[in-house]
Amino acid sequence: MFERLGQGPCAVGELAGELPVSRPAVSQHLKVLKAAGLVRDRAVGTRRVYSLDPVGIDALRAYFTHFWSTALSAFRDEVNRQASTPEHDT
Protein backbone atom coordinates (compact mmCIF):
# COMPACT_ATOMS: atom_id res chain seq x y z
CA MET A 1 0.00 0.00 0.00
CA PHE A 2 2.78 2.40 0.95
CA GLU A 3 4.70 1.56 -2.22
CA ARG A 4 1.56 2.00 -4.30
CA LEU A 5 1.00 5.46 -2.86
CA GLY A 6 4.59 6.25 -3.78
CA GLN A 7 3.51 5.90 -7.40
CA GLY A 8 0.88 8.59 -6.97
CA PRO A 9 -2.37 9.50 -5.21
CA CYS A 10 -5.05 6.84 -4.98
CA ALA A 11 -8.56 6.48 -3.58
CA VAL A 12 -9.43 3.82 -1.01
CA GLY A 13 -11.55 1.85 -3.48
CA GLU A 14 -8.75 1.81 -6.04
CA LEU A 15 -6.26 0.61 -3.44
CA ALA A 16 -8.62 -2.12 -2.28
CA GLY A 17 -9.06 -3.25 -5.88
CA GLU A 18 -5.29 -3.57 -6.31
CA LEU A 19 -4.57 -5.37 -3.04
CA PRO A 20 -5.63 -8.74 -1.61
CA VAL A 21 -7.33 -7.12 1.39
CA SER A 22 -10.79 -5.75 2.06
CA ARG A 23 -11.76 -2.12 1.67
CA PRO A 24 -12.25 -1.77 5.48
CA ALA A 25 -8.74 -3.17 6.02
CA VAL A 26 -7.33 -0.64 3.53
CA SER A 27 -9.15 2.15 5.36
CA GLN A 28 -7.74 1.00 8.71
CA HIS A 29 -4.19 0.85 7.34
CA LEU A 30 -4.56 4.31 5.85
CA LYS A 31 -5.87 5.61 9.17
CA VAL A 32 -2.74 4.32 10.92
CA LEU A 33 -0.44 5.75 8.23
CA LYS A 34 -2.24 9.10 8.46
CA ALA A 35 -1.96 9.15 12.27
CA ALA A 36 1.77 8.50 11.85
CA GLY A 37 2.01 11.47 9.48
CA LEU A 38 3.10 9.33 6.54
CA VAL A 39 0.07 9.89 4.31
CA ARG A 40 -2.43 12.67 3.81
CA ASP A 41 -5.86 12.71 2.25
CA ARG A 42 -8.13 15.10 0.46
CA ALA A 43 -11.74 14.99 -0.62
CA VAL A 44 -12.41 14.61 -4.32
CA GLY A 45 -16.17 14.55 -4.69
CA THR A 46 -17.38 11.71 -2.50
CA ARG A 47 -14.00 9.95 -2.43
CA ARG A 48 -10.98 10.33 -0.18
CA VAL A 49 -7.76 10.35 -2.18
CA TYR A 50 -4.58 9.47 -0.30
CA SER A 51 -0.99 10.34 -1.08
CA LEU A 52 2.32 10.16 0.71
CA ASP A 53 3.03 13.12 2.98
CA PRO A 54 6.50 14.45 2.07
CA VAL A 55 6.93 16.10 5.48
CA GLY A 56 6.28 12.82 7.32
CA ILE A 57 8.43 10.83 4.89
CA ASP A 58 11.29 13.28 5.39
CA ALA A 59 11.00 12.97 9.17
CA LEU A 60 11.06 9.16 8.86
CA ARG A 61 14.10 9.33 6.59
CA ALA A 62 15.89 11.60 9.07
CA TYR A 63 15.08 9.19 11.91
CA PHE A 64 16.49 6.20 10.03
CA THR A 65 19.55 8.17 8.90
CA HIS A 66 20.31 9.02 12.53
CA PHE A 67 19.47 5.49 13.70
CA TRP A 68 21.73 3.80 11.15
CA SER A 69 24.52 6.31 11.69
CA THR A 70 24.45 5.61 15.43
CA ALA A 71 24.13 1.84 14.96
CA LEU A 72 26.96 1.67 12.43
CA SER A 73 29.22 3.78 14.65
CA ALA A 74 28.53 1.44 17.58
CA PHE A 75 29.24 -1.58 15.36
CA ARG A 76 32.52 -0.03 14.15
CA ASP A 77 33.56 0.70 17.74
CA GLU A 78 32.80 -2.88 18.80
CA VAL A 79 34.74 -4.35 15.88
CA ASN A 80 37.71 -2.13 16.74
CA ARG A 81 37.46 -3.07 20.43
CA GLN A 82 37.39 -6.79 19.65
CA ALA A 83 40.24 -6.47 17.17
CA SER A 84 42.43 -4.86 19.83
CA THR A 85 41.91 -7.58 22.47
CA PRO A 86 44.70 -10.18 22.89
CA GLU A 87 42.55 -13.21 22.06
CA HIS A 88 42.02 -11.78 18.57
CA ASP A 89 45.72 -11.32 17.84
CA THR A 90 47.18 -13.94 15.51
C-alpha atoms as a PDB file:
ATOM      1  CA  MET A   1       0.000   0.000   0.000  1.00  0.00           C
ATOM      2  CA  PHE A   2       2.780   2.397   0.950  1.00  0.00           C
ATOM      3  CA  GLU A   3       4.704   1.564  -2.219  1.00  0.00           C
ATOM      4  CA  ARG A   4       1.556   1.996  -4.298  1.00  0.00           C
ATOM      5  CA  LEU A   5       0.997   5.464  -2.859  1.00  0.00           C
ATOM      6  CA  GLY A   6       4.592   6.250  -3.778  1.00  0.00           C
ATOM      7  CA  GLN A   7       3.511   5.899  -7.403  1.00  0.00           C
ATOM      8  CA  GLY A   8       0.881   8.592  -6.968  1.00  0.00           C
ATOM      9  CA  PRO A   9      -2.373   9.502  -5.215  1.00  0.00           C
ATOM     10  CA  CYS A  10      -5.052   6.841  -4.983  1.00  0.00           C
ATOM     11  CA  ALA A  11      -8.564   6.477  -3.582  1.00  0.00           C
ATOM     12  CA  VAL A  12      -9.434   3.816  -1.007  1.00  0.00           C
ATOM     13  CA  GLY A  13     -11.552   1.855  -3.484  1.00  0.00           C
ATOM     14  CA  GLU A  14      -8.747   1.812  -6.037  1.00  0.00           C
ATOM     15  CA  LEU A  15      -6.257   0.607  -3.438  1.00  0.00           C
ATOM     16  CA  ALA A  16      -8.624  -2.121  -2.277  1.00  0.00           C
ATOM     17  CA  GLY A  17      -9.056  -3.245  -5.881  1.00  0.00           C
ATOM     18  CA  GLU A  18      -5.290  -3.568  -6.309  1.00  0.00           C
ATOM     19  CA  LEU A  19      -4.567  -5.370  -3.037  1.00  0.00           C
ATOM     20  CA  PRO A  20      -5.627  -8.744  -1.611  1.00  0.00           C
ATOM     21  CA  VAL A  21      -7.330  -7.115   1.393  1.00  0.00           C
ATOM     22  CA  SER A  22     -10.792  -5.749   2.061  1.00  0.00           C
ATOM     23  CA  ARG A  23     -11.756  -2.116   1.673  1.00  0.00           C
ATOM     24  CA  PRO A  24     -12.253  -1.766   5.479  1.00  0.00           C
ATOM     25  CA  ALA A  25      -8.744  -3.169   6.015  1.00  0.00           C
ATOM     26  CA  VAL A  26      -7.331  -0.644   3.534  1.00  0.00           C
ATOM     27  CA  SER A  27      -9.154   2.152   5.362  1.00  0.00           C
ATOM     28  CA  GLN A  28      -7.736   0.995   8.710  1.00  0.00           C
ATOM     29  CA  HIS A  29      -4.193   0.847   7.337  1.00  0.00           C
ATOM     30  CA  LEU A  30      -4.559   4.315   5.852  1.00  0.00           C
ATOM     31  CA  LYS A  31      -5.871   5.605   9.172  1.00  0.00           C
ATOM     32  CA  VAL A  32      -2.736   4.319  10.923  1.00  0.00           C
ATOM     33  CA  LEU A  33      -0.444   5.753   8.234  1.00  0.00           C
ATOM     34  CA  LYS A  34      -2.235   9.098   8.458  1.00  0.00           C
ATOM     35  CA  ALA A  35      -1.962   9.150  12.268  1.00  0.00           C
ATOM     36  CA  ALA A  36       1.767   8.502  11.853  1.00  0.00           C
ATOM     37  CA  GLY A  37       2.005  11.465   9.480  1.00  0.00           C
ATOM     38  CA  LEU A  38       3.099   9.330   6.535  1.00  0.00           C
ATOM     39  CA  VAL A  39       0.067   9.885   4.305  1.00  0.00           C
ATOM     40  CA  ARG A  40      -2.427  12.671   3.812  1.00  0.00           C
ATOM     41  CA  ASP A  41      -5.859  12.713   2.255  1.00  0.00           C
ATOM     42  CA  ARG A  42      -8.134  15.102   0.459  1.00  0.00           C
ATOM     43  CA  ALA A  43     -11.740  14.991  -0.616  1.00  0.00           C
ATOM     44  CA  VAL A  44     -12.412  14.613  -4.319  1.00  0.00           C
ATOM     45  CA  GLY A  45     -16.167  14.549  -4.690  1.00  0.00           C
ATOM     46  CA  THR A  46     -17.380  11.706  -2.498  1.00  0.00           C
ATOM     47  CA  ARG A  47     -14.003   9.950  -2.433  1.00  0.00           C
ATOM     48  CA  ARG A  48     -10.982  10.327  -0.176  1.00  0.00           C
ATOM     49  CA  VAL A  49      -7.761  10.355  -2.179  1.00  0.00           C
ATOM     50  CA  TYR A  50      -4.585   9.468  -0.301  1.00  0.00           C
ATOM     51  CA  SER A  51      -0.987  10.344  -1.083  1.00  0.00           C
ATOM     52  CA  LEU A  52       2.322  10.161   0.713  1.00  0.00           C
ATOM     53  CA  ASP A  53       3.032  13.123   2.983  1.00  0.00           C
ATOM     54  CA  PRO A  54       6.496  14.452   2.074  1.00  0.00           C
ATOM     55  CA  VAL A  55       6.926  16.099   5.485  1.00  0.00           C
ATOM     56  CA  GLY A  56       6.282  12.823   7.316  1.00  0.00           C
ATOM     57  CA  ILE A  57       8.425  10.833   4.892  1.00  0.00           C
ATOM     58  CA  ASP A  58      11.291  13.280   5.388  1.00  0.00           C
ATOM     59  CA  ALA A  59      10.997  12.968   9.170  1.00  0.00           C
ATOM     60  CA  LEU A  60      11.058   9.159   8.862  1.00  0.00           C
ATOM     61  CA  ARG A  61      14.098   9.331   6.586  1.00  0.00           C
ATOM     62  CA  ALA A  62      15.890  11.604   9.073  1.00  0.00           C
ATOM     63  CA  TYR A  63      15.084   9.189  11.909  1.00  0.00           C
ATOM     64  CA  PHE A  64      16.488   6.197  10.027  1.00  0.00           C
ATOM     65  CA  THR A  65      19.545   8.166   8.896  1.00  0.00           C
ATOM     66  CA  HIS A  66      20.311   9.025  12.528  1.00  0.00           C
ATOM     67  CA  PHE A  67      19.467   5.486  13.701  1.00  0.00           C
ATOM     68  CA  TRP A  68      21.731   3.801  11.149  1.00  0.00           C
ATOM     69  CA  SER A  69      24.522   6.309  11.691  1.00  0.00           C
ATOM     70  CA  THR A  70      24.449   5.607  15.433  1.00  0.00           C
ATOM     71  CA  ALA A  71      24.128   1.837  14.957  1.00  0.00           C
ATOM     72  CA  LEU A  72      26.962   1.665  12.429  1.00  0.00           C
ATOM     73  CA  SER A  73      29.216   3.775  14.654  1.00  0.00           C
ATOM     74  CA  ALA A  74      28.534   1.443  17.578  1.00  0.00           C
ATOM     75  CA  PHE A  75      29.237  -1.575  15.360  1.00  0.00           C
ATOM     76  CA  ARG A  76      32.521  -0.032  14.153  1.00  0.00           C
ATOM     77  CA  ASP A  77      33.562   0.697  17.739  1.00  0.00           C
ATOM     78  CA  GLU A  78      32.798  -2.878  18.802  1.00  0.00           C
ATOM     79  CA  VAL A  79      34.743  -4.346  15.877  1.00  0.00           C
ATOM     80  CA  ASN A  80      37.710  -2.131  16.740  1.00  0.00           C
ATOM     81  CA  ARG A  81      37.455  -3.074  20.428  1.00  0.00           C
ATOM     82  CA  GLN A  82      37.393  -6.788  19.654  1.00  0.00           C
ATOM     83  CA  ALA A  83      40.240  -6.470  17.170  1.00  0.00           C
ATOM     84  CA  SER A  84      42.431  -4.865  19.826  1.00  0.00           C
ATOM     85  CA  THR A  85      41.909  -7.580  22.473  1.00  0.00           C
ATOM     86  CA  PRO A  86      44.704 -10.184  22.893  1.00  0.00           C
ATOM     87  CA  GLU A  87      42.551 -13.209  22.056  1.00  0.00           C
ATOM     88  CA  HIS A  88      42.016 -11.785  18.566  1.00  0.00           C
ATOM     89  CA  ASP A  89      45.722 -11.315  17.844  1.00  0.00           C
ATOM     90  CA  THR A  90      47.179 -13.939  15.510  1.00  0.00           C
END
